[in-house]
PDB file of N, CA and C in Angstrom:
ATOM      1  N   UNK A   1      -8.965  -5.643   5.166  1.00  0.00           N
ATOM      2  CA  UNK A   1      -9.547  -4.304   5.160  1.00  0.00           C
ATOM      3  C   UNK A   1     -11.032  -4.423   4.835  1.00  0.00           C
ATOM      4  N   UNK A   2     -11.840  -3.812   5.642  1.00  0.00           N
ATOM      5  CA  UNK A   2     -13.292  -3.885   5.473  1.00  0.00           C
ATOM      6  C   UNK A   2     -13.737  -3.215   4.176  1.00  0.00           C
ATOM      7  N   UNK A   3     -14.964  -3.491   3.800  1.00  0.00           N
ATOM      8  CA  UNK A   3     -15.542  -2.856   2.621  1.00  0.00           C
ATOM      9  C   UNK A   3     -15.517  -1.344   2.772  1.00  0.00           C
ATOM     10  N   UNK A   4     -15.132  -0.666   1.702  1.00  0.00           N
ATOM     11  CA  UNK A   4     -15.131   0.797   1.641  1.00  0.00           C
ATOM     12  C   UNK A   4     -14.200   1.449   2.663  1.00  0.00           C
ATOM     13  N   UNK A   5     -13.127   0.771   3.059  1.00  0.00           N
ATOM     14  CA  UNK A   5     -12.204   1.296   4.067  1.00  0.00           C
ATOM     15  C   UNK A   5     -10.780   1.283   3.522  1.00  0.00           C
ATOM     16  N   UNK A   6      -9.881   1.922   4.266  1.00  0.00           N
ATOM     17  CA  UNK A   6      -8.473   1.915   3.885  1.00  0.00           C
ATOM     18  C   UNK A   6      -7.636   1.393   5.043  1.00  0.00           C
ATOM     19  N   UNK A   7      -6.423   1.004   4.724  1.00  0.00           N
ATOM     20  CA  UNK A   7      -5.495   0.523   5.742  1.00  0.00           C
ATOM     21  C   UNK A   7      -4.094   0.978   5.368  1.00  0.00           C
ATOM     22  N   UNK A   8      -3.254   1.150   6.367  1.00  0.00           N
ATOM     23  CA  UNK A   8      -1.858   1.524   6.141  1.00  0.00           C
ATOM     24  C   UNK A   8      -0.969   0.300   6.302  1.00  0.00           C
ATOM     25  N   UNK A   9      -0.062   0.115   5.353  1.00  0.00           N
ATOM     26  CA  UNK A   9       0.961  -0.920   5.434  1.00  0.00           C
ATOM     27  C   UNK A   9       2.272  -0.188   5.685  1.00  0.00           C
ATOM     28  N   UNK A  10       2.935  -0.502   6.786  1.00  0.00           N
ATOM     29  CA  UNK A  10       4.163   0.191   7.167  1.00  0.00           C
ATOM     30  C   UNK A  10       5.344  -0.749   6.945  1.00  0.00           C
ATOM     31  N   UNK A  11       6.286  -0.309   6.110  1.00  0.00           N
ATOM     32  CA  UNK A  11       7.477  -1.104   5.793  1.00  0.00           C
ATOM     33  C   UNK A  11       8.715  -0.407   6.326  1.00  0.00           C
ATOM     34  N   UNK A  12       9.624  -1.166   6.903  1.00  0.00           N
ATOM     35  CA  UNK A  12      10.919  -0.629   7.307  1.00  0.00           C
ATOM     36  C   UNK A  12      11.871  -0.748   6.122  1.00  0.00           C
ATOM     37  N   UNK A  13      12.482   0.357   5.739  1.00  0.00           N
ATOM     38  CA  UNK A  13      13.450   0.375   4.652  1.00  0.00           C
ATOM     39  C   UNK A  13      14.612   1.260   5.079  1.00  0.00           C
ATOM     40  N   UNK A  14      15.672   0.627   5.530  1.00  0.00           N
ATOM     41  CA  UNK A  14      16.827   1.361   6.039  1.00  0.00           C
ATOM     42  C   UNK A  14      17.412   2.259   4.957  1.00  0.00           C
ATOM     43  N   UNK A  15      17.572   3.521   5.292  1.00  0.00           N
ATOM     44  CA  UNK A  15      18.167   4.486   4.367  1.00  0.00           C
ATOM     45  C   UNK A  15      17.184   5.448   3.746  1.00  0.00           C
ATOM     46  N   UNK A  16      15.897   5.078   3.726  1.00  0.00           N
ATOM     47  CA  UNK A  16      14.917   5.999   3.165  1.00  0.00           C
ATOM     48  C   UNK A  16      14.752   7.185   4.120  1.00  0.00           C
ATOM     49  N   UNK A  17      14.512   8.352   3.561  1.00  0.00           N
ATOM     50  CA  UNK A  17      14.385   9.569   4.363  1.00  0.00           C
ATOM     51  C   UNK A  17      13.077  10.274   4.036  1.00  0.00           C
ATOM     52  N   UNK A  18      12.662  11.133   4.930  1.00  0.00           N
ATOM     53  CA  UNK A  18      11.454  11.927   4.696  1.00  0.00           C
ATOM     54  C   UNK A  18      11.610  12.709   3.402  1.00  0.00           C
ATOM     55  N   UNK A  19      10.610  12.642   2.567  1.00  0.00           N
ATOM     56  CA  UNK A  19      10.646  13.372   1.310  1.00  0.00           C
ATOM     57  C   UNK A  19      11.203  12.591   0.133  1.00  0.00           C
ATOM     58  N   UNK A  20      11.821  11.418   0.377  1.00  0.00           N
ATOM     59  CA  UNK A  20      12.261  10.587  -0.748  1.00  0.00           C
ATOM     60  C   UNK A  20      11.030  10.160  -1.537  1.00  0.00           C
ATOM     61  N   UNK A  21      11.170  10.016  -2.844  1.00  0.00           N
ATOM     62  CA  UNK A  21      10.065   9.630  -3.700  1.00  0.00           C
ATOM     63  C   UNK A  21       9.939   8.112  -3.709  1.00  0.00           C
ATOM     64  N   UNK A  22       8.740   7.617  -3.447  1.00  0.00           N
ATOM     65  CA  UNK A  22       8.467   6.184  -3.479  1.00  0.00           C
ATOM     66  C   UNK A  22       7.251   5.957  -4.368  1.00  0.00           C
ATOM     67  N   UNK A  23       7.429   5.173  -5.429  1.00  0.00           N
ATOM     68  CA  UNK A  23       6.338   4.835  -6.337  1.00  0.00           C
ATOM     69  C   UNK A  23       5.939   3.392  -6.083  1.00  0.00           C
ATOM     70  N   UNK A  24       4.646   3.110  -5.980  1.00  0.00           N
ATOM     71  CA  UNK A  24       4.158   1.783  -5.642  1.00  0.00           C
ATOM     72  C   UNK A  24       3.181   1.311  -6.714  1.00  0.00           C
ATOM     73  N   UNK A  25       3.321   0.036  -7.128  1.00  0.00           N
ATOM     74  CA  UNK A  25       2.365  -0.596  -8.024  1.00  0.00           C
ATOM     75  C   UNK A  25       1.946  -1.926  -7.416  1.00  0.00           C
ATOM     76  N   UNK A  26       0.702  -2.290  -7.604  1.00  0.00           N
ATOM     77  CA  UNK A  26       0.228  -3.575  -7.110  1.00  0.00           C
ATOM     78  C   UNK A  26       0.766  -4.676  -8.005  1.00  0.00           C
ATOM     79  N   UNK A  27       1.156  -5.799  -7.379  1.00  0.00           N
ATOM     80  CA  UNK A  27       1.808  -6.863  -8.126  1.00  0.00           C
ATOM     81  C   UNK A  27       1.144  -8.220  -7.979  1.00  0.00           C
ATOM     82  N   UNK A  28       0.030  -8.284  -7.288  1.00  0.00           N
ATOM     83  CA  UNK A  28      -0.647  -9.574  -7.147  1.00  0.00           C
ATOM     84  C   UNK A  28      -1.018  -9.870  -5.715  1.00  0.00           C
ATOM     85  N   UNK A  29      -0.892 -11.145  -5.346  1.00  0.00           N
ATOM     86  CA  UNK A  29      -1.324 -11.632  -4.048  1.00  0.00           C
ATOM     87  C   UNK A  29      -2.541 -12.520  -4.224  1.00  0.00           C
ATOM     88  N   UNK A  30      -3.111 -12.996  -3.121  1.00  0.00           N
ATOM     89  CA  UNK A  30      -4.247 -13.913  -3.185  1.00  0.00           C
ATOM     90  C   UNK A  30      -5.602 -13.216  -3.089  1.00  0.00           C
ATOM     91  N   UNK A  31      -5.621 -11.932  -2.793  1.00  0.00           N
ATOM     92  CA  UNK A  31      -6.863 -11.177  -2.670  1.00  0.00           C
ATOM     93  C   UNK A  31      -7.591 -11.122  -4.013  1.00  0.00           C
ATOM     94  N   UNK A  32      -8.922 -11.292  -3.986  1.00  0.00           N
ATOM     95  CA  UNK A  32      -9.718 -11.220  -5.218  1.00  0.00           C
ATOM     96  C   UNK A  32     -10.645 -10.004  -5.257  1.00  0.00           C
ATOM     97  N   UNK A  33     -10.620  -9.169  -4.217  1.00  0.00           N
ATOM     98  CA  UNK A  33     -11.410  -7.937  -4.180  1.00  0.00           C
ATOM     99  C   UNK A  33     -10.546  -6.796  -4.705  1.00  0.00           C
ATOM    100  N   UNK A  34     -11.054  -5.956  -5.612  1.00  0.00           N
ATOM    101  CA  UNK A  34     -10.239  -4.849  -6.127  1.00  0.00           C
ATOM    102  C   UNK A  34      -9.731  -3.943  -5.003  1.00  0.00           C
ATOM    103  N   UNK A  35      -8.469  -3.553  -5.109  1.00  0.00           N
ATOM    104  CA  UNK A  35      -7.841  -2.687  -4.118  1.00  0.00           C
ATOM    105  C   UNK A  35      -6.980  -1.671  -4.859  1.00  0.00           C
ATOM    106  N   UNK A  36      -6.890  -0.472  -4.313  1.00  0.00           N
ATOM    107  CA  UNK A  36      -6.099   0.587  -4.913  1.00  0.00           C
ATOM    108  C   UNK A  36      -5.036   1.068  -3.943  1.00  0.00           C
ATOM    109  N   UNK A  37      -3.892   1.470  -4.480  1.00  0.00           N
ATOM    110  CA  UNK A  37      -2.849   2.094  -3.681  1.00  0.00           C
ATOM    111  C   UNK A  37      -3.067   3.600  -3.775  1.00  0.00           C
ATOM    112  N   UNK A  38      -3.380   4.235  -2.636  1.00  0.00           N
ATOM    113  CA  UNK A  38      -3.673   5.665  -2.637  1.00  0.00           C
ATOM    114  C   UNK A  38      -2.434   6.525  -2.497  1.00  0.00           C
ATOM    115  N   UNK A  39      -1.471   6.086  -1.680  1.00  0.00           N
ATOM    116  CA  UNK A  39      -0.286   6.908  -1.457  1.00  0.00           C
ATOM    117  C   UNK A  39       0.839   6.072  -0.874  1.00  0.00           C
ATOM    118  N   UNK A  40       2.046   6.598  -1.003  1.00  0.00           N
ATOM    119  CA  UNK A  40       3.234   6.020  -0.365  1.00  0.00           C
ATOM    120  C   UNK A  40       4.028   7.193   0.190  1.00  0.00           C
ATOM    121  N   UNK A  41       4.140   7.250   1.492  1.00  0.00           N
ATOM    122  CA  UNK A  41       4.801   8.356   2.176  1.00  0.00           C
ATOM    123  C   UNK A  41       6.073   7.850   2.842  1.00  0.00           C
ATOM    124  N   UNK A  42       7.183   8.537   2.611  1.00  0.00           N
ATOM    125  CA  UNK A  42       8.448   8.126   3.228  1.00  0.00           C
ATOM    126  C   UNK A  42       8.764   9.018   4.425  1.00  0.00           C
ATOM    127  N   UNK A  43       9.240   8.366   5.476  1.00  0.00           N
ATOM    128  CA  UNK A  43       9.791   9.043   6.643  1.00  0.00           C
ATOM    129  C   UNK A  43      11.093   8.328   6.965  1.00  0.00           C
ATOM    130  N   UNK A  44      11.751   8.669   8.031  1.00  0.00           N
ATOM    131  CA  UNK A  44      13.050   8.076   8.353  1.00  0.00           C
ATOM    132  C   UNK A  44      12.946   6.557   8.477  1.00  0.00           C
ATOM    133  N   UNK A  45      13.588   5.839   7.550  1.00  0.00           N
ATOM    134  CA  UNK A  45      13.656   4.374   7.517  1.00  0.00           C
ATOM    135  C   UNK A  45      12.297   3.683   7.411  1.00  0.00           C
ATOM    136  N   UNK A  46      11.274   4.394   6.954  1.00  0.00           N
ATOM    137  CA  UNK A  46       9.922   3.830   6.893  1.00  0.00           C
ATOM    138  C   UNK A  46       9.180   4.321   5.651  1.00  0.00           C
ATOM    139  N   UNK A  47       8.423   3.407   5.049  1.00  0.00           N
ATOM    140  CA  UNK A  47       7.488   3.752   3.978  1.00  0.00           C
ATOM    141  C   UNK A  47       6.100   3.348   4.455  1.00  0.00           C
ATOM    142  N   UNK A  48       5.144   4.264   4.388  1.00  0.00           N
ATOM    143  CA  UNK A  48       3.767   3.954   4.746  1.00  0.00           C
ATOM    144  C   UNK A  48       2.933   3.984   3.469  1.00  0.00           C
ATOM    145  N   UNK A  49       2.347   2.847   3.133  1.00  0.00           N
ATOM    146  CA  UNK A  49       1.545   2.705   1.919  1.00  0.00           C
ATOM    147  C   UNK A  49       0.079   2.592   2.331  1.00  0.00           C
ATOM    148  N   UNK A  50      -0.767   3.450   1.780  1.00  0.00           N
ATOM    149  CA  UNK A  50      -2.200   3.414   2.087  1.00  0.00           C
ATOM    150  C   UNK A  50      -2.924   2.665   0.975  1.00  0.00           C
ATOM    151  N   UNK A  51      -3.600   1.563   1.366  1.00  0.00           N
ATOM    152  CA  UNK A  51      -4.394   0.764   0.445  1.00  0.00           C
ATOM    153  C   UNK A  51      -5.867   1.044   0.692  1.00  0.00           C
ATOM    154  N   UNK A  52      -6.646   1.128  -0.380  1.00  0.00           N
ATOM    155  CA  UNK A  52      -8.074   1.443  -0.280  1.00  0.00           C
ATOM    156  C   UNK A  52      -8.913   0.344  -0.904  1.00  0.00           C
ATOM    157  N   UNK A  53      -9.886  -0.141  -0.168  1.00  0.00           N
ATOM    158  CA  UNK A  53     -10.904  -1.034  -0.696  1.00  0.00           C
ATOM    159  C   UNK A  53     -12.148  -0.185  -0.893  1.00  0.00           C
ATOM    160  N   UNK A  54     -12.205   0.541  -1.981  1.00  0.00           N
ATOM    161  CA  UNK A  54     -13.309   1.465  -2.190  1.00  0.00           C
ATOM    162  C   UNK A  54     -14.204   1.096  -3.344  1.00  0.00           C
ATOM    163  N   UNK A  55     -13.915  -0.018  -3.990  1.00  0.00           N
ATOM    164  CA  UNK A  55     -14.676  -0.409  -5.165  1.00  0.00           C
ATOM    165  C   UNK A  55     -15.936  -1.161  -4.768  1.00  0.00           C
ATOM    166  N   UNK A  56     -15.813  -1.987  -3.755  1.00  0.00           N
ATOM    167  CA  UNK A  56     -16.909  -2.856  -3.382  1.00  0.00           C
ATOM    168  C   UNK A  56     -17.462  -2.433  -2.027  1.00  0.00           C
ATOM    169  N   UNK A  57     -18.715  -2.066  -1.969  1.00  0.00           N
ATOM    170  CA  UNK A  57     -19.299  -1.547  -0.733  1.00  0.00           C
ATOM    171  C   UNK A  57     -19.643  -2.628   0.277  1.00  0.00           C
ATOM    172  N   UNK A  58     -19.534  -3.914  -0.089  1.00  0.00           N
ATOM    173  CA  UNK A  58     -19.952  -4.966   0.834  1.00  0.00           C
ATOM    174  C   UNK A  58     -18.903  -6.040   1.094  1.00  0.00           C
ATOM    175  N   UNK A  59     -17.807  -6.068   0.362  1.00  0.00           N
ATOM    176  CA  UNK A  59     -16.856  -7.159   0.479  1.00  0.00           C
ATOM    177  C   UNK A  59     -15.509  -6.677   1.003  1.00  0.00           C
ATOM    178  N   UNK A  60     -15.036  -7.288   2.072  1.00  0.00           N
ATOM    179  CA  UNK A  60     -13.721  -6.968   2.616  1.00  0.00           C
ATOM    180  C   UNK A  60     -12.637  -7.624   1.763  1.00  0.00           C
ATOM    181  N   UNK A  61     -11.409  -7.119   1.879  1.00  0.00           N
ATOM    182  CA  UNK A  61     -10.291  -7.799   1.231  1.00  0.00           C
ATOM    183  C   UNK A  61     -10.212  -9.203   1.806  1.00  0.00           C
ATOM    184  N   UNK A  62      -9.888 -10.171   0.960  1.00  0.00           N
ATOM    185  CA  UNK A  62      -9.983 -11.561   1.380  1.00  0.00           C
ATOM    186  C   UNK A  62      -8.691 -12.352   1.206  1.00  0.00           C
ATOM    187  N   UNK A  63      -7.576 -11.678   1.154  1.00  0.00           N
ATOM    188  CA  UNK A  63      -6.308 -12.389   0.998  1.00  0.00           C
ATOM    189  C   UNK A  63      -5.142 -11.433   1.091  1.00  0.00           C
ATOM    190  N   UNK A  64      -4.005 -11.879   0.605  1.00  0.00           N
ATOM    191  CA  UNK A  64      -2.795 -11.065   0.656  1.00  0.00           C
ATOM    192  C   UNK A  64      -2.763 -10.081  -0.506  1.00  0.00           C
ATOM    193  N   UNK A  65      -2.012  -9.005  -0.328  1.00  0.00           N
ATOM    194  CA  UNK A  65      -1.796  -8.015  -1.383  1.00  0.00           C
ATOM    195  C   UNK A  65      -0.289  -7.838  -1.513  1.00  0.00           C
ATOM    196  N   UNK A  66       0.228  -8.043  -2.711  1.00  0.00           N
ATOM    197  CA  UNK A  66       1.663  -7.872  -2.970  1.00  0.00           C
ATOM    198  C   UNK A  66       1.853  -6.652  -3.852  1.00  0.00           C
ATOM    199  N   UNK A  67       2.972  -5.962  -3.664  1.00  0.00           N
ATOM    200  CA  UNK A  67       3.242  -4.786  -4.482  1.00  0.00           C
ATOM    201  C   UNK A  67       4.735  -4.620  -4.692  1.00  0.00           C
ATOM    202  N   UNK A  68       5.054  -3.845  -5.724  1.00  0.00           N
ATOM    203  CA  UNK A  68       6.438  -3.450  -6.010  1.00  0.00           C
ATOM    204  C   UNK A  68       6.577  -1.988  -5.647  1.00  0.00           C
ATOM    205  N   UNK A  69       7.790  -1.596  -5.282  1.00  0.00           N
ATOM    206  CA  UNK A  69       8.025  -0.180  -5.056  1.00  0.00           C
ATOM    207  C   UNK A  69       9.338   0.228  -5.717  1.00  0.00           C
ATOM    208  N   UNK A  70       9.405   1.485  -6.099  1.00  0.00           N
ATOM    209  CA  UNK A  70      10.609   2.091  -6.643  1.00  0.00           C
ATOM    210  C   UNK A  70      10.938   3.260  -5.736  1.00  0.00           C
ATOM    211  N   UNK A  71      12.103   3.232  -5.149  1.00  0.00           N
ATOM    212  CA  UNK A  71      12.554   4.265  -4.214  1.00  0.00           C
ATOM    213  C   UNK A  71      13.568   5.133  -4.923  1.00  0.00           C
ATOM    214  N   UNK A  72      13.303   6.425  -5.011  1.00  0.00           N
ATOM    215  CA  UNK A  72      14.201   7.374  -5.660  1.00  0.00           C
ATOM    216  C   UNK A  72      14.740   8.323  -4.604  1.00  0.00           C
ATOM    217  N   UNK A  73      16.044   8.294  -4.449  1.00  0.00           N
ATOM    218  CA  UNK A  73      16.716   9.115  -3.430  1.00  0.00           C
ATOM    219  C   UNK A  73      16.946  10.494  -3.959  1.00  0.00           C
TER     220      UNK A  73
END
């Protein structure tokens, strides 16, 4: 993700439905540029997580980003 930009990570999760509550926390990865999780939206069998690189105006994300999620039906 470029400097000052966001990206969507789309995960398939069988059984999740629109409106289910999904809580996301960052859990590590190899990236060394600060990144924030802005939202997690559930739709049929899909979770879309929006990640934001808004801290650094000149540096893109430079590695992997790992996160945990809690799905509440």
